[in-house]
Protein backbone atom coordinates (compact mmCIF):
# COMPACT_ATOMS: atom_id res chain seq x y z
CA MET A 1 -20.05 -25.72 -5.10
CA LEU A 2 -19.25 -22.05 -4.71
CA CYS A 3 -21.96 -19.62 -5.55
CA MET A 4 -20.91 -16.58 -7.54
CA GLU A 5 -22.69 -13.71 -5.82
CA VAL A 6 -22.26 -10.17 -7.03
CA GLY A 7 -20.23 -8.30 -4.43
CA LYS A 8 -20.27 -4.72 -3.25
CA PHE A 9 -18.44 -3.37 -6.30
CA GLY A 10 -20.27 -5.48 -8.89
CA HIS A 11 -17.59 -8.16 -9.06
CA PRO A 12 -18.50 -11.78 -8.39
CA SER A 13 -17.36 -13.12 -5.03
CA THR A 14 -15.72 -16.55 -5.00
CA CYS A 15 -16.09 -16.92 -1.23
CA VAL A 16 -19.42 -18.10 0.12
CA GLY A 17 -19.17 -15.84 3.19
CA GLY A 18 -17.50 -12.99 1.38
CA PRO A 19 -13.92 -11.70 1.60
CA ARG A 20 -13.89 -11.76 5.41
CA GLN A 21 -13.75 -15.55 5.36
CA GLN A 22 -10.70 -15.81 3.12
CA ASN A 23 -7.66 -17.49 4.63
CA ARG A 24 -5.32 -14.50 4.81
CA CYS A 25 -2.35 -16.46 6.20
CA ALA A 26 -2.41 -18.99 3.37
CA MET A 27 -2.84 -16.21 0.82
CA ASN A 28 0.12 -14.25 2.26
CA VAL A 29 2.35 -17.33 2.23
CA ARG A 30 1.48 -17.98 -1.41
CA ILE A 31 2.08 -14.35 -2.41
CA LEU A 32 5.29 -13.86 -0.43
CA SER A 33 6.79 -17.09 -1.72
CA ASN A 34 6.57 -15.58 -5.21
CA SER A 35 9.87 -13.80 -5.97
CA HIS A 36 8.20 -11.28 -8.31
CA ALA A 37 5.71 -10.36 -5.60
CA LYS A 38 8.56 -9.93 -3.09
CA GLN A 39 10.40 -7.62 -5.47
CA LYS A 40 7.28 -5.49 -6.05
CA TRP A 41 6.68 -5.34 -2.27
CA ASN A 42 10.26 -4.26 -1.60
CA GLU A 43 10.10 -1.63 -4.34
CA LYS A 44 6.88 -0.25 -2.86
CA LYS A 45 8.46 -0.06 0.60
CA ALA A 46 11.56 1.69 -0.78
CA PHE A 47 9.42 4.16 -2.74
CA ASP A 48 7.31 4.94 0.34
CA ARG A 49 10.46 5.56 2.40
CA MET A 50 11.90 7.81 -0.29
CA LYS A 51 8.62 9.73 -0.57
CA LYS A 52 8.50 10.24 3.22
CA LYS A 53 12.12 11.43 3.29
CA ALA A 54 11.50 13.84 0.39
CA LYS A 55 8.44 15.26 2.16
CA LEU A 56 10.45 15.82 5.34
CA LYS A 57 13.18 17.58 3.35
CA TRP A 58 10.58 19.72 1.56
CA ASP A 59 8.96 20.72 4.86
CA GLU A 60 12.38 21.61 6.25
CA PHE A 61 13.13 23.70 3.16
CA GLN A 62 9.80 25.50 3.46
CA ALA A 63 10.51 26.33 7.13
CA GLN A 64 13.94 27.70 6.25
CA THR A 65 12.45 29.81 3.45
CA GLN A 66 9.86 31.29 5.80
CA GLN A 67 12.57 32.13 8.36
CA MET A 68 14.62 33.88 5.68
CA GLU A 69 11.59 35.92 4.57
CA GLN A 70 10.88 36.99 8.15
CA VAL A 71 14.47 38.19 8.60
CA LYS A 72 14.21 40.56 5.61
């Protein structure tokens, strides 16, 4: 029988030893075999890449703007 202890954030823990004893490999296999979860994961990766690229472009634009101001 699993004991329902209150965890760090006030939520009951279903694992006797806490979240460190969860089987991460089995959990990842179950999640990644779900097509909806795969789609969400891929969308998150694509969004993170787009955000990184936009930040690089913004930094480049800021550098160019500063160079133009220095020339004046």
